[in-house]
Amino acid sequence: MNKTPAQNPESVRAGGALPTSSYRPALALAFLACFLSLLVVSSGWFEQLQLLMEVRVIVGIFIPVLAATAILYPSVLFRDRRPAFRMGTLIAFGFVLLILAFALLAAFGLLLVVFGIISPE
């Protein structure tokens, strides 16, 4: 009878950790990282840094994407693919998560304006 890695302690990897059985927790955590980075950027704290606008845009886009990629890498997502293809796909997933987080933030802001909680300036 074949056992899953969680049921078979002999299949523990060298690091002592069992392989992740699902990619969903990692995907949720990566989305949360992208969403929180957008909240930091939109809160005005990011504007206080004495950096060029181009540098702020690069940091505001690539740091969340790389953080999402680092969170998704240990998951089982695309593990059966070649390493270069897997890394490219995970980076693309990071960009998609950043775009989805931006869409959620924009929709929430639009709802706040529609219900009159905030007023557009």
PDB file of N, CA and C in Angstrom:
ATOM      1  N   MET A   1       0.840  -1.172   0.000  1.00  0.00           N
ATOM      2  CA  MET A   1       0.000   0.000   0.000  1.00  0.00           C
ATOM      3  C   MET A   1       0.893   1.246   0.000  1.00  0.00           C
ATOM      4  N   ASN A   2       0.641   2.157  -0.911  1.00  0.00           N
ATOM      5  CA  ASN A   2       1.424   3.384  -0.999  1.00  0.00           C
ATOM      6  C   ASN A   2       0.931   4.379   0.025  1.00  0.00           C
ATOM      7  N   LYS A   3       1.866   4.926   0.772  1.00  0.00           N
ATOM      8  CA  LYS A   3       1.521   5.930   1.768  1.00  0.00           C
ATOM      9  C   LYS A   3       1.934   7.299   1.247  1.00  0.00           C
ATOM     10  N   THR A   4       1.216   8.296   1.698  1.00  0.00           N
ATOM     11  CA  THR A   4       1.597   9.654   1.350  1.00  0.00           C
ATOM     12  C   THR A   4       2.825  10.034   2.165  1.00  0.00           C
ATOM     13  N   PRO A   5       3.561  11.073   1.745  1.00  0.00           N
ATOM     14  CA  PRO A   5       4.754  11.467   2.509  1.00  0.00           C
ATOM     15  C   PRO A   5       4.441  11.833   3.952  1.00  0.00           C
ATOM     16  N   ALA A   6       3.239  12.348   4.223  1.00  0.00           N
ATOM     17  CA  ALA A   6       2.899  12.705   5.596  1.00  0.00           C
ATOM     18  C   ALA A   6       2.688  11.466   6.460  1.00  0.00           C
ATOM     19  N   GLN A   7       2.284  10.337   5.845  1.00  0.00           N
ATOM     20  CA  GLN A   7       2.050   9.115   6.595  1.00  0.00           C
ATOM     21  C   GLN A   7       3.298   8.246   6.693  1.00  0.00           C
ATOM     22  N   ASN A   8       4.293   8.517   5.881  1.00  0.00           N
ATOM     23  CA  ASN A   8       5.485   7.688   5.819  1.00  0.00           C
ATOM     24  C   ASN A   8       6.677   8.479   6.347  1.00  0.00           C
ATOM     25  N   PRO A   9       7.094   8.272   7.593  1.00  0.00           N
ATOM     26  CA  PRO A   9       8.201   9.072   8.138  1.00  0.00           C
ATOM     27  C   PRO A   9       9.541   8.783   7.475  1.00  0.00           C
ATOM     28  N   GLU A  10       9.673   7.677   6.746  1.00  0.00           N
ATOM     29  CA  GLU A  10      10.947   7.384   6.082  1.00  0.00           C
ATOM     30  C   GLU A  10      11.183   8.293   4.883  1.00  0.00           C
ATOM     31  N   SER A  11      10.126   8.932   4.402  1.00  0.00           N
ATOM     32  CA  SER A  11      10.279   9.768   3.216  1.00  0.00           C
ATOM     33  C   SER A  11      10.585  11.216   3.560  1.00  0.00           C
ATOM     34  N   VAL A  12      10.978  11.464   4.782  1.00  0.00           N
ATOM     35  CA  VAL A  12      11.291  12.822   5.192  1.00  0.00           C
ATOM     36  C   VAL A  12      12.544  13.281   4.445  1.00  0.00           C
ATOM     37  N   ARG A  13      12.480  14.516   3.948  1.00  0.00           N
ATOM     38  CA  ARG A  13      13.616  15.060   3.206  1.00  0.00           C
ATOM     39  C   ARG A  13      14.776  15.358   4.141  1.00  0.00           C
ATOM     40  N   ALA A  14      15.890  15.761   3.554  1.00  0.00           N
ATOM     41  CA  ALA A  14      17.119  15.985   4.321  1.00  0.00           C
ATOM     42  C   ALA A  14      16.947  17.078   5.371  1.00  0.00           C
ATOM     43  N   GLY A  15      16.123  18.077   5.084  1.00  0.00           N
ATOM     44  CA  GLY A  15      15.932  19.167   6.031  1.00  0.00           C
ATOM     45  C   GLY A  15      15.052  18.799   7.197  1.00  0.00           C
ATOM     46  N   GLY A  16      14.444  17.635   7.165  1.00  0.00           N
ATOM     47  CA  GLY A  16      13.584  17.208   8.248  1.00  0.00           C
ATOM     48  C   GLY A  16      12.137  17.625   8.072  1.00  0.00           C
ATOM     49  N   ALA A  17      11.832  18.367   7.022  1.00  0.00           N
ATOM     50  CA  ALA A  17      10.462  18.825   6.808  1.00  0.00           C
ATOM     51  C   ALA A  17       9.772  17.940   5.781  1.00  0.00           C
ATOM     52  N   LEU A  18       8.503  17.738   5.999  1.00  0.00           N
ATOM     53  CA  LEU A  18       7.712  16.985   5.029  1.00  0.00           C
ATOM     54  C   LEU A  18       7.353  17.898   3.868  1.00  0.00           C
ATOM     55  N   PRO A  19       7.213  17.358   2.687  1.00  0.00           N
ATOM     56  CA  PRO A  19       6.811  18.205   1.574  1.00  0.00           C
ATOM     57  C   PRO A  19       5.409  18.763   1.783  1.00  0.00           C
ATOM     58  N   THR A  20       5.195  19.960   1.314  1.00  0.00           N
ATOM     59  CA  THR A  20       3.903  20.597   1.470  1.00  0.00           C
ATOM     60  C   THR A  20       2.871  19.843   0.645  1.00  0.00           C
ATOM     61  N   SER A  21       1.759  19.505   1.259  1.00  0.00           N
ATOM     62  CA  SER A  21       0.754  18.719   0.553  1.00  0.00           C
ATOM     63  C   SER A  21      -0.126  19.584  -0.335  1.00  0.00           C
ATOM     64  N   SER A  22      -0.177  20.870  -0.091  1.00  0.00           N
ATOM     65  CA  SER A  22      -1.012  21.745  -0.884  1.00  0.00           C
ATOM     66  C   SER A  22      -0.296  23.067  -1.105  1.00  0.00           C
ATOM     67  N   TYR A  23      -0.577  23.673  -2.224  1.00  0.00           N
ATOM     68  CA  TYR A  23       0.021  24.962  -2.530  1.00  0.00           C
ATOM     69  C   TYR A  23      -0.863  26.111  -2.056  1.00  0.00           C
ATOM     70  N   ARG A  24      -2.071  25.837  -1.592  1.00  0.00           N
ATOM     71  CA  ARG A  24      -3.014  26.895  -1.239  1.00  0.00           C
ATOM     72  C   ARG A  24      -2.548  27.772  -0.079  1.00  0.00           C
ATOM     73  N   PRO A  25      -2.007  27.228   1.009  1.00  0.00           N
ATOM     74  CA  PRO A  25      -1.519  28.133   2.069  1.00  0.00           C
ATOM     75  C   PRO A  25      -0.393  29.044   1.594  1.00  0.00           C
ATOM     76  N   ALA A  26       0.493  28.521   0.774  1.00  0.00           N
ATOM     77  CA  ALA A  26       1.584  29.353   0.250  1.00  0.00           C
ATOM     78  C   ALA A  26       1.037  30.420  -0.691  1.00  0.00           C
ATOM     79  N   LEU A  27       0.031  30.069  -1.476  1.00  0.00           N
ATOM     80  CA  LEU A  27      -0.573  31.031  -2.391  1.00  0.00           C
ATOM     81  C   LEU A  27      -1.286  32.137  -1.611  1.00  0.00           C
ATOM     82  N   ALA A  28      -1.974  31.779  -0.548  1.00  0.00           N
ATOM     83  CA  ALA A  28      -2.652  32.780   0.279  1.00  0.00           C
ATOM     84  C   ALA A  28      -1.637  33.694   0.969  1.00  0.00           C
ATOM     85  N   LEU A  29      -0.558  33.125   1.456  1.00  0.00           N
ATOM     86  CA  LEU A  29       0.471  33.929   2.108  1.00  0.00           C
ATOM     87  C   LEU A  29       1.175  34.855   1.119  1.00  0.00           C
ATOM     88  N   ALA A  30       1.413  34.374  -0.099  1.00  0.00           N
ATOM     89  CA  ALA A  30       2.032  35.219  -1.126  1.00  0.00           C
ATOM     90  C   ALA A  30       1.097  36.363  -1.520  1.00  0.00           C
ATOM     91  N   PHE A  31      -0.210  36.076  -1.621  1.00  0.00           N
ATOM     92  CA  PHE A  31      -1.176  37.131  -1.926  1.00  0.00           C
ATOM     93  C   PHE A  31      -1.202  38.162  -0.798  1.00  0.00           C
ATOM     94  N   LEU A  32      -1.160  37.693   0.435  1.00  0.00           N
ATOM     95  CA  LEU A  32      -1.155  38.610   1.575  1.00  0.00           C
ATOM     96  C   LEU A  32       0.088  39.493   1.564  1.00  0.00           C
ATOM     97  N   ALA A  33       1.226  38.930   1.204  1.00  0.00           N
ATOM     98  CA  ALA A  33       2.457  39.729   1.123  1.00  0.00           C
ATOM     99  C   ALA A  33       2.336  40.818   0.053  1.00  0.00           C
ATOM    100  N   CYS A  34       1.774  40.467  -1.103  1.00  0.00           N
ATOM    101  CA  CYS A  34       1.577  41.467  -2.161  1.00  0.00           C
ATOM    102  C   CYS A  34       0.588  42.538  -1.731  1.00  0.00           C
ATOM    103  N   PHE A  35      -0.498  42.114  -1.081  1.00  0.00           N
ATOM    104  CA  PHE A  35      -1.521  43.070  -0.650  1.00  0.00           C
ATOM    105  C   PHE A  35      -0.972  44.026   0.405  1.00  0.00           C
ATOM    106  N   LEU A  36      -0.225  43.495   1.364  1.00  0.00           N
ATOM    107  CA  LEU A  36       0.344  44.358   2.396  1.00  0.00           C
ATOM    108  C   LEU A  36       1.382  45.320   1.833  1.00  0.00           C
ATOM    109  N   SER A  37       2.143  44.883   0.839  1.00  0.00           N
ATOM    110  CA  SER A  37       3.109  45.794   0.227  1.00  0.00           C
ATOM    111  C   SER A  37       2.393  46.921  -0.519  1.00  0.00           C
ATOM    112  N   LEU A  38       1.248  46.616  -1.133  1.00  0.00           N
ATOM    113  CA  LEU A  38       0.473  47.676  -1.783  1.00  0.00           C
ATOM    114  C   LEU A  38      -0.126  48.636  -0.762  1.00  0.00           C
ATOM    115  N   LEU A  39      -0.519  48.115   0.396  1.00  0.00           N
ATOM    116  CA  LEU A  39      -1.011  49.002   1.449  1.00  0.00           C
ATOM    117  C   LEU A  39       0.081  49.941   1.939  1.00  0.00           C
ATOM    118  N   VAL A  40       1.301  49.439   2.047  1.00  0.00           N
ATOM    119  CA  VAL A  40       2.421  50.287   2.472  1.00  0.00           C
ATOM    120  C   VAL A  40       2.693  51.357   1.418  1.00  0.00           C
ATOM    121  N   VAL A  41       2.640  50.972   0.150  1.00  0.00           N
ATOM    122  CA  VAL A  41       2.897  51.932  -0.924  1.00  0.00           C
ATOM    123  C   VAL A  41       1.798  52.989  -0.970  1.00  0.00           C
ATOM    124  N   SER A  42       0.534  52.569  -0.821  1.00  0.00           N
ATOM    125  CA  SER A  42      -0.566  53.525  -0.941  1.00  0.00           C
ATOM    126  C   SER A  42      -0.803  54.338   0.325  1.00  0.00           C
ATOM    127  N   SER A  43      -0.198  53.966   1.435  1.00  0.00           N
ATOM    128  CA  SER A  43      -0.440  54.691   2.682  1.00  0.00           C
ATOM    129  C   SER A  43       0.325  56.013   2.757  1.00  0.00           C
ATOM    130  N   GLY A  44       1.286  56.210   1.898  1.00  0.00           N
ATOM    131  CA  GLY A  44       2.057  57.444   1.928  1.00  0.00           C
ATOM    132  C   GLY A  44       3.401  57.305   2.609  1.00  0.00           C
ATOM    133  N   TRP A  45       3.596  56.206   3.312  1.00  0.00           N
ATOM    134  CA  TRP A  45       4.879  55.992   3.978  1.00  0.00           C
ATOM    135  C   TRP A  45       6.004  55.845   2.967  1.00  0.00           C
ATOM    136  N   PHE A  46       5.679  55.243   1.849  1.00  0.00           N
ATOM    137  CA  PHE A  46       6.676  54.990   0.811  1.00  0.00           C
ATOM    138  C   PHE A  46       7.149  56.285   0.163  1.00  0.00           C
ATOM    139  N   GLU A  47       6.298  57.311   0.161  1.00  0.00           N
ATOM    140  CA  GLU A  47       6.664  58.595  -0.451  1.00  0.00           C
ATOM    141  C   GLU A  47       7.662  59.375   0.394  1.00  0.00           C
ATOM    142  N   GLN A  48       7.778  59.043   1.663  1.00  0.00           N
ATOM    143  CA  GLN A  48       8.701  59.751   2.538  1.00  0.00           C
ATOM    144  C   GLN A  48      10.156  59.359   2.307  1.00  0.00           C
ATOM    145  N   LEU A  49      10.379  58.265   1.615  1.00  0.00           N
ATOM    146  CA  LEU A  49      11.750  57.854   1.318  1.00  0.00           C
ATOM    147  C   LEU A  49      12.354  58.802   0.298  1.00  0.00           C
ATOM    148  N   GLN A  50      13.572  59.154   0.501  1.00  0.00           N
ATOM    149  CA  GLN A  50      14.259  60.079  -0.394  1.00  0.00           C
ATOM    150  C   GLN A  50      14.889  59.310  -1.545  1.00  0.00           C
ATOM    151  N   LEU A  51      14.043  58.786  -2.410  1.00  0.00           N
ATOM    152  CA  LEU A  51      14.507  58.036  -3.570  1.00  0.00           C
ATOM    153  C   LEU A  51      13.901  58.627  -4.833  1.00  0.00           C
ATOM    154  N   LEU A  52      14.530  58.369  -5.948  1.00  0.00           N
ATOM    155  CA  LEU A  52      13.960  58.779  -7.224  1.00  0.00           C
ATOM    156  C   LEU A  52      12.657  58.029  -7.465  1.00  0.00           C
ATOM    157  N   MET A  53      11.770  58.624  -8.236  1.00  0.00           N
ATOM    158  CA  MET A  53      10.483  57.990  -8.522  1.00  0.00           C
ATOM    159  C   MET A  53      10.666  56.648  -9.229  1.00  0.00           C
ATOM    160  N   GLU A  54      11.646  56.556 -10.128  1.00  0.00           N
ATOM    161  CA  GLU A  54      11.891  55.312 -10.852  1.00  0.00           C
ATOM    162  C   GLU A  54      12.310  54.195  -9.900  1.00  0.00           C
ATOM    163  N   VAL A  55      13.130  54.546  -8.919  1.00  0.00           N
ATOM    164  CA  VAL A  55      13.579  53.550  -7.942  1.00  0.00           C
ATOM    165  C   VAL A  55      12.418  53.101  -7.081  1.00  0.00           C
ATOM    166  N   ARG A  56      11.537  54.029  -6.703  1.00  0.00           N
ATOM    167  CA  ARG A  56      10.364  53.666  -5.908  1.00  0.00           C
ATOM    168  C   ARG A  56       9.444  52.720  -6.681  1.00  0.00           C
ATOM    169  N   VAL A  57       9.275  52.967  -7.965  1.00  0.00           N
ATOM    170  CA  VAL A  57       8.424  52.092  -8.779  1.00  0.00           C
ATOM    171  C   VAL A  57       9.044  50.699  -8.880  1.00  0.00           C
ATOM    172  N   ILE A  58      10.341  50.648  -9.117  1.00  0.00           N
ATOM    173  CA  ILE A  58      11.012  49.346  -9.220  1.00  0.00           C
ATOM    174  C   ILE A  58      10.928  48.587  -7.902  1.00  0.00           C
ATOM    175  N   VAL A  59      11.191  49.268  -6.803  1.00  0.00           N
ATOM    176  CA  VAL A  59      11.115  48.615  -5.491  1.00  0.00           C
ATOM    177  C   VAL A  59       9.679  48.215  -5.175  1.00  0.00           C
ATOM    178  N   GLY A  60       8.718  49.069  -5.498  1.00  0.00           N
ATOM    179  CA  GLY A  60       7.319  48.785  -5.211  1.00  0.00           C
ATOM    180  C   GLY A  60       6.754  47.635  -6.016  1.00  0.00           C
ATOM    181  N   ILE A  61       7.343  47.343  -7.163  1.00  0.00           N
ATOM    182  CA  ILE A  61       6.854  46.233  -7.984  1.00  0.00           C
ATOM    183  C   ILE A  61       7.656  44.962  -7.728  1.00  0.00           C
ATOM    184  N   PHE A  62       8.963  45.053  -7.735  1.00  0.00           N
ATOM    185  CA  PHE A  62       9.772  43.830  -7.715  1.00  0.00           C
ATOM    186  C   PHE A  62       9.955  43.218  -6.334  1.00  0.00           C
ATOM    187  N   ILE A  63       9.939  44.001  -5.285  1.00  0.00           N
ATOM    188  CA  ILE A  63      10.068  43.421  -3.947  1.00  0.00           C
ATOM    189  C   ILE A  63       8.877  42.513  -3.622  1.00  0.00           C
ATOM    190  N   PRO A  64       7.617  42.948  -3.865  1.00  0.00           N
ATOM    191  CA  PRO A  64       6.507  42.020  -3.591  1.00  0.00           C
ATOM    192  C   PRO A  64       6.508  40.797  -4.506  1.00  0.00           C
ATOM    193  N   VAL A  65       6.909  40.978  -5.756  1.00  0.00           N
ATOM    194  CA  VAL A  65       6.942  39.835  -6.678  1.00  0.00           C
ATOM    195  C   VAL A  65       8.004  38.831  -6.238  1.00  0.00           C
ATOM    196  N   LEU A  66       9.161  39.315  -5.855  1.00  0.00           N
ATOM    197  CA  LEU A  66      10.203  38.402  -5.379  1.00  0.00           C
ATOM    198  C   LEU A  66       9.833  37.765  -4.045  1.00  0.00           C
ATOM    199  N   ALA A  67       9.137  38.497  -3.191  1.00  0.00           N
ATOM    200  CA  ALA A  67       8.683  37.906  -1.931  1.00  0.00           C
ATOM    201  C   ALA A  67       7.652  36.811  -2.195  1.00  0.00           C
ATOM    202  N   ALA A  68       6.734  37.057  -3.124  1.00  0.00           N
ATOM    203  CA  ALA A  68       5.738  36.038  -3.472  1.00  0.00           C
ATOM    204  C   ALA A  68       6.408  34.816  -4.084  1.00  0.00           C
ATOM    205  N   THR A  69       7.430  35.039  -4.911  1.00  0.00           N
ATOM    206  CA  THR A  69       8.151  33.917  -5.516  1.00  0.00           C
ATOM    207  C   THR A  69       8.877  33.113  -4.443  1.00  0.00           C
ATOM    208  N   ALA A  70       9.484  33.796  -3.486  1.00  0.00           N
ATOM    209  CA  ALA A  70      10.185  33.098  -2.406  1.00  0.00           C
ATOM    210  C   ALA A  70       9.213  32.313  -1.521  1.00  0.00           C
ATOM    211  N   ILE A  71       8.001  32.815  -1.343  1.00  0.00           N
ATOM    212  CA  ILE A  71       7.006  32.097  -0.549  1.00  0.00           C
ATOM    213  C   ILE A  71       6.476  30.888  -1.313  1.00  0.00           C
ATOM    214  N   LEU A  72       6.291  31.028  -2.621  1.00  0.00           N
ATOM    215  CA  LEU A  72       5.728  29.932  -3.423  1.00  0.00           C
ATOM    216  C   LEU A  72       6.745  28.856  -3.772  1.00  0.00           C
ATOM    217  N   TYR A  73       8.023  29.162  -3.727  1.00  0.00           N
ATOM    218  CA  TYR A  73       9.038  28.203  -4.181  1.00  0.00           C
ATOM    219  C   TYR A  73       9.043  26.886  -3.392  1.00  0.00           C
ATOM    220  N   PRO A  74       8.927  26.892  -2.066  1.00  0.00           N
ATOM    221  CA  PRO A  74       8.942  25.602  -1.362  1.00  0.00           C
ATOM    222  C   PRO A  74       7.678  24.770  -1.544  1.00  0.00           C
ATOM    223  N   SER A  75       6.620  25.344  -2.103  1.00  0.00           N
ATOM    224  CA  SER A  75       5.377  24.594  -2.278  1.00  0.00           C
ATOM    225  C   SER A  75       5.530  23.588  -3.421  1.00  0.00           C
ATOM    226  N   VAL A  76       4.501  22.785  -3.609  1.00  0.00           N
ATOM    227  CA  VAL A  76       4.542  21.756  -4.645  1.00  0.00           C
ATOM    228  C   VAL A  76       4.115  22.288  -6.012  1.00  0.00           C
ATOM    229  N   LEU A  77       3.905  23.573  -6.110  1.00  0.00           N
ATOM    230  CA  LEU A  77       3.439  24.182  -7.350  1.00  0.00           C
ATOM    231  C   LEU A  77       4.499  24.044  -8.444  1.00  0.00           C
ATOM    232  N   PHE A  78       4.175  23.350  -9.524  1.00  0.00           N
ATOM    233  CA  PHE A  78       5.046  23.137 -10.687  1.00  0.00           C
ATOM    234  C   PHE A  78       6.350  22.429 -10.336  1.00  0.00           C
ATOM    235  N   ARG A  79       6.339  21.595  -9.321  1.00  0.00           N
ATOM    236  CA  ARG A  79       7.561  20.910  -8.918  1.00  0.00           C
ATOM    237  C   ARG A  79       8.021  19.896  -9.958  1.00  0.00           C
ATOM    238  N   ASP A  80       7.101  19.410 -10.793  1.00  0.00           N
ATOM    239  CA  ASP A  80       7.465  18.395 -11.783  1.00  0.00           C
ATOM    240  C   ASP A  80       8.075  19.001 -13.045  1.00  0.00           C
ATOM    241  N   ARG A  81       8.206  20.294 -13.131  1.00  0.00           N
ATOM    242  CA  ARG A  81       8.761  20.974 -14.308  1.00  0.00           C
ATOM    243  C   ARG A  81      10.266  21.186 -14.155  1.00  0.00           C
ATOM    244  N   ARG A  82      10.892  21.602 -15.247  1.00  0.00           N
ATOM    245  CA  ARG A  82      12.307  21.946 -15.182  1.00  0.00           C
ATOM    246  C   ARG A  82      12.507  23.162 -14.281  1.00  0.00           C
ATOM    247  N   PRO A  83      13.661  23.283 -13.626  1.00  0.00           N
ATOM    248  CA  PRO A  83      13.860  24.389 -12.681  1.00  0.00           C
ATOM    249  C   PRO A  83      13.720  25.783 -13.308  1.00  0.00           C
ATOM    250  N   ALA A  84      14.218  25.969 -14.519  1.00  0.00           N
ATOM    251  CA  ALA A  84      14.120  27.287 -15.146  1.00  0.00           C
ATOM    252  C   ALA A  84      12.669  27.628 -15.482  1.00  0.00           C
ATOM    253  N   PHE A  85      11.933  26.654 -16.002  1.00  0.00           N
ATOM    254  CA  PHE A  85      10.518  26.879 -16.310  1.00  0.00           C
ATOM    255  C   PHE A  85       9.726  27.130 -15.030  1.00  0.00           C
ATOM    256  N   ARG A  86      10.050  26.385 -13.982  1.00  0.00           N
ATOM    257  CA  ARG A  86       9.340  26.537 -12.716  1.00  0.00           C
ATOM    258  C   ARG A  86       9.575  27.924 -12.131  1.00  0.00           C
ATOM    259  N   MET A  87      10.808  28.388 -12.163  1.00  0.00           N
ATOM    260  CA  MET A  87      11.105  29.708 -11.599  1.00  0.00           C
ATOM    261  C   MET A  87      10.412  30.806 -12.409  1.00  0.00           C
ATOM    262  N   GLY A  88      10.435  30.689 -13.720  1.00  0.00           N
ATOM    263  CA  GLY A  88       9.745  31.679 -14.550  1.00  0.00           C
ATOM    264  C   GLY A  88       8.251  31.689 -14.292  1.00  0.00           C
ATOM    265  N   THR A  89       7.673  30.530 -14.118  1.00  0.00           N
ATOM    266  CA  THR A  89       6.244  30.450 -13.844  1.00  0.00           C
ATOM    267  C   THR A  89       5.910  31.010 -12.467  1.00  0.00           C
ATOM    268  N   LEU A  90       6.748  30.755 -11.491  1.00  0.00           N
ATOM    269  CA  LEU A  90       6.500  31.299 -10.155  1.00  0.00           C
ATOM    270  C   LEU A  90       6.648  32.818 -10.125  1.00  0.00           C
ATOM    271  N   ILE A  91       7.581  33.354 -10.899  1.00  0.00           N
ATOM    272  CA  ILE A  91       7.707  34.815 -10.997  1.00  0.00           C
ATOM    273  C   ILE A  91       6.478  35.397 -11.675  1.00  0.00           C
ATOM    274  N   ALA A  92       5.969  34.714 -12.717  1.00  0.00           N
ATOM    275  CA  ALA A  92       4.735  35.159 -13.366  1.00  0.00           C
ATOM    276  C   ALA A  92       3.561  35.102 -12.395  1.00  0.00           C
ATOM    277  N   PHE A  93       3.510  34.057 -11.561  1.00  0.00           N
ATOM    278  CA  PHE A  93       2.473  33.977 -10.534  1.00  0.00           C
ATOM    279  C   PHE A  93       2.591  35.150  -9.566  1.00  0.00           C
ATOM    280  N   GLY A  94       3.810  35.557  -9.243  1.00  0.00           N
ATOM    281  CA  GLY A  94       4.011  36.703  -8.367  1.00  0.00           C
ATOM    282  C   GLY A  94       3.443  37.981  -8.973  1.00  0.00           C
ATOM    283  N   PHE A  95       3.679  38.186 -10.266  1.00  0.00           N
ATOM    284  CA  PHE A  95       3.109  39.355 -10.953  1.00  0.00           C
ATOM    285  C   PHE A  95       1.590  39.293 -10.969  1.00  0.00           C
ATOM    286  N   VAL A  96       1.035  38.129 -11.216  1.00  0.00           N
ATOM    287  CA  VAL A  96      -0.420  37.979 -11.227  1.00  0.00           C
ATOM    288  C   VAL A  96      -1.000  38.259  -9.845  1.00  0.00           C
ATOM    289  N   LEU A  97      -0.350  37.772  -8.811  1.00  0.00           N
ATOM    290  CA  LEU A  97      -0.822  38.044  -7.455  1.00  0.00           C
ATOM    291  C   LEU A  97      -0.759  39.533  -7.125  1.00  0.00           C
ATOM    292  N   LEU A  98       0.275  40.218  -7.599  1.00  0.00           N
ATOM    293  CA  LEU A  98       0.373  41.654  -7.372  1.00  0.00           C
ATOM    294  C   LEU A  98      -0.749  42.397  -8.098  1.00  0.00           C
ATOM    295  N   ILE A  99      -1.062  41.990  -9.316  1.00  0.00           N
ATOM    296  CA  ILE A  99      -2.144  42.613 -10.070  1.00  0.00           C
ATOM    297  C   ILE A  99      -3.485  42.349  -9.400  1.00  0.00           C
ATOM    298  N   LEU A 100      -3.702  41.123  -8.921  1.00  0.00           N
ATOM    299  CA  LEU A 100      -4.946  40.805  -8.223  1.00  0.00           C
ATOM    300  C   LEU A 100      -5.070  41.580  -6.918  1.00  0.00           C
ATOM    301  N   ALA A 101      -3.971  41.745  -6.208  1.00  0.00           N
ATOM    302  CA  ALA A 101      -3.999  42.536  -4.967  1.00  0.00           C
ATOM    303  C   ALA A 101      -4.321  43.992  -5.278  1.00  0.00           C
ATOM    304  N   PHE A 102      -3.781  44.513  -6.372  1.00  0.00           N
ATOM    305  CA  PHE A 102      -4.090  45.888  -6.769  1.00  0.00           C
ATOM    306  C   PHE A 102      -5.561  46.017  -7.139  1.00  0.00           C
ATOM    307  N   ALA A 103      -6.107  45.031  -7.849  1.00  0.00           N
ATOM    308  CA  ALA A 103      -7.523  45.060  -8.221  1.00  0.00           C
ATOM    309  C   ALA A 103      -8.415  45.023  -6.982  1.00  0.00           C
ATOM    310  N   LEU A 104      -8.054  44.210  -5.999  1.00  0.00           N
ATOM    311  CA  LEU A 104      -8.826  44.149  -4.762  1.00  0.00           C
ATOM    312  C   LEU A 104      -8.759  45.468  -4.008  1.00  0.00           C
ATOM    313  N   LEU A 105      -7.590  46.069  -3.948  1.00  0.00           N
ATOM    314  CA  LEU A 105      -7.442  47.361  -3.274  1.00  0.00           C
ATOM    315  C   LEU A 105      -8.227  48.447  -4.001  1.00  0.00           C
ATOM    316  N   ALA A 106      -8.206  48.445  -5.331  1.00  0.00           N
ATOM    317  CA  ALA A 106      -8.967  49.423  -6.099  1.00  0.00           C
ATOM    318  C   ALA A 106     -10.472  49.225  -5.919  1.00  0.00           C
ATOM    319  N   ALA A 107     -10.931  47.986  -5.910  1.00  0.00           N
ATOM    320  CA  ALA A 107     -12.359  47.715  -5.707  1.00  0.00           C
ATOM    321  C   ALA A 107     -12.801  48.159  -4.314  1.00  0.00           C
ATOM    322  N   PHE A 108     -11.971  47.901  -3.313  1.00  0.00           N
ATOM    323  CA  PHE A 108     -12.295  48.336  -1.958  1.00  0.00           C
ATOM    324  C   PHE A 108     -12.346  49.858  -1.873  1.00  0.00           C
ATOM    325  N   GLY A 109     -11.407  50.529  -2.512  1.00  0.00           N
ATOM    326  CA  GLY A 109     -11.420  51.992  -2.540  1.00  0.00           C
ATOM    327  C   GLY A 109     -12.640  52.541  -3.255  1.00  0.00           C
ATOM    328  N   LEU A 110     -13.044  51.890  -4.343  1.00  0.00           N
ATOM    329  CA  LEU A 110     -14.229  52.312  -5.078  1.00  0.00           C
ATOM    330  C   LEU A 110     -15.487  52.135  -4.230  1.00  0.00           C
ATOM    331  N   LEU A 111     -15.566  51.052  -3.494  1.00  0.00           N
ATOM    332  CA  LEU A 111     -16.711  50.847  -2.604  1.00  0.00           C
ATOM    333  C   LEU A 111     -16.761  51.910  -1.513  1.00  0.00           C
ATOM    334  N   LEU A 112     -15.618  52.297  -0.998  1.00  0.00           N
ATOM    335  CA  LEU A 112     -15.586  53.354   0.014  1.00  0.00           C
ATOM    336  C   LEU A 112     -16.070  54.673  -0.550  1.00  0.00           C
ATOM    337  N   VAL A 113     -15.748  54.969  -1.795  1.00  0.00           N
ATOM    338  CA  VAL A 113     -16.208  56.204  -2.436  1.00  0.00           C
ATOM    339  C   VAL A 113     -17.699  56.121  -2.724  1.00  0.00           C
ATOM    340  N   VAL A 114     -18.191  54.986  -3.208  1.00  0.00           N
ATOM    341  CA  VAL A 114     -19.598  54.829  -3.562  1.00  0.00           C
ATOM    342  C   VAL A 114     -20.488  54.973  -2.329  1.00  0.00           C
ATOM    343  N   PHE A 115     -20.099  54.397  -1.226  1.00  0.00           N
ATOM    344  CA  PHE A 115     -20.906  54.480  -0.021  1.00  0.00           C
ATOM    345  C   PHE A 115     -20.675  55.772   0.764  1.00  0.00           C
ATOM    346  N   GLY A 116     -19.832  56.649   0.286  1.00  0.00           N
ATOM    347  CA  GLY A 116     -19.633  57.953   0.896  1.00  0.00           C
ATOM    348  C   GLY A 116     -18.779  57.957   2.143  1.00  0.00           C
ATOM    349  N   ILE A 117     -18.045  56.893   2.367  1.00  0.00           N
ATOM    350  CA  ILE A 117     -17.181  56.841   3.544  1.00  0.00           C
ATOM    351  C   ILE A 117     -15.996  57.776   3.360  1.00  0.00           C
ATOM    352  N   ILE A 118     -15.454  57.810   2.146  1.00  0.00           N
ATOM    353  CA  ILE A 118     -14.403  58.753   1.795  1.00  0.00           C
ATOM    354  C   ILE A 118     -14.868  59.539   0.581  1.00  0.00           C
ATOM    355  N   SER A 119     -14.293  60.695   0.364  1.00  0.00           N
ATOM    356  CA  SER A 119     -14.666  61.480  -0.812  1.00  0.00           C
ATOM    357  C   SER A 119     -13.440  61.626  -1.707  1.00  0.00           C
ATOM    358  N   PRO A 120     -13.644  61.501  -3.018  1.00  0.00           N
ATOM    359  CA  PRO A 120     -12.504  61.690  -3.921  1.00  0.00           C
ATOM    360  C   PRO A 120     -12.080  63.146  -3.925  1.00  0.00           C
ATOM    361  N   GLU A 121     -10.795  63.358  -3.996  1.00  0.00           N
ATOM    362  CA  GLU A 121     -10.285  64.738  -3.961  1.00  0.00           C
ATOM    363  C   GLU A 121      -9.835  65.184  -5.302  1.00  0.00           C
TER     364      GLU A 121
END
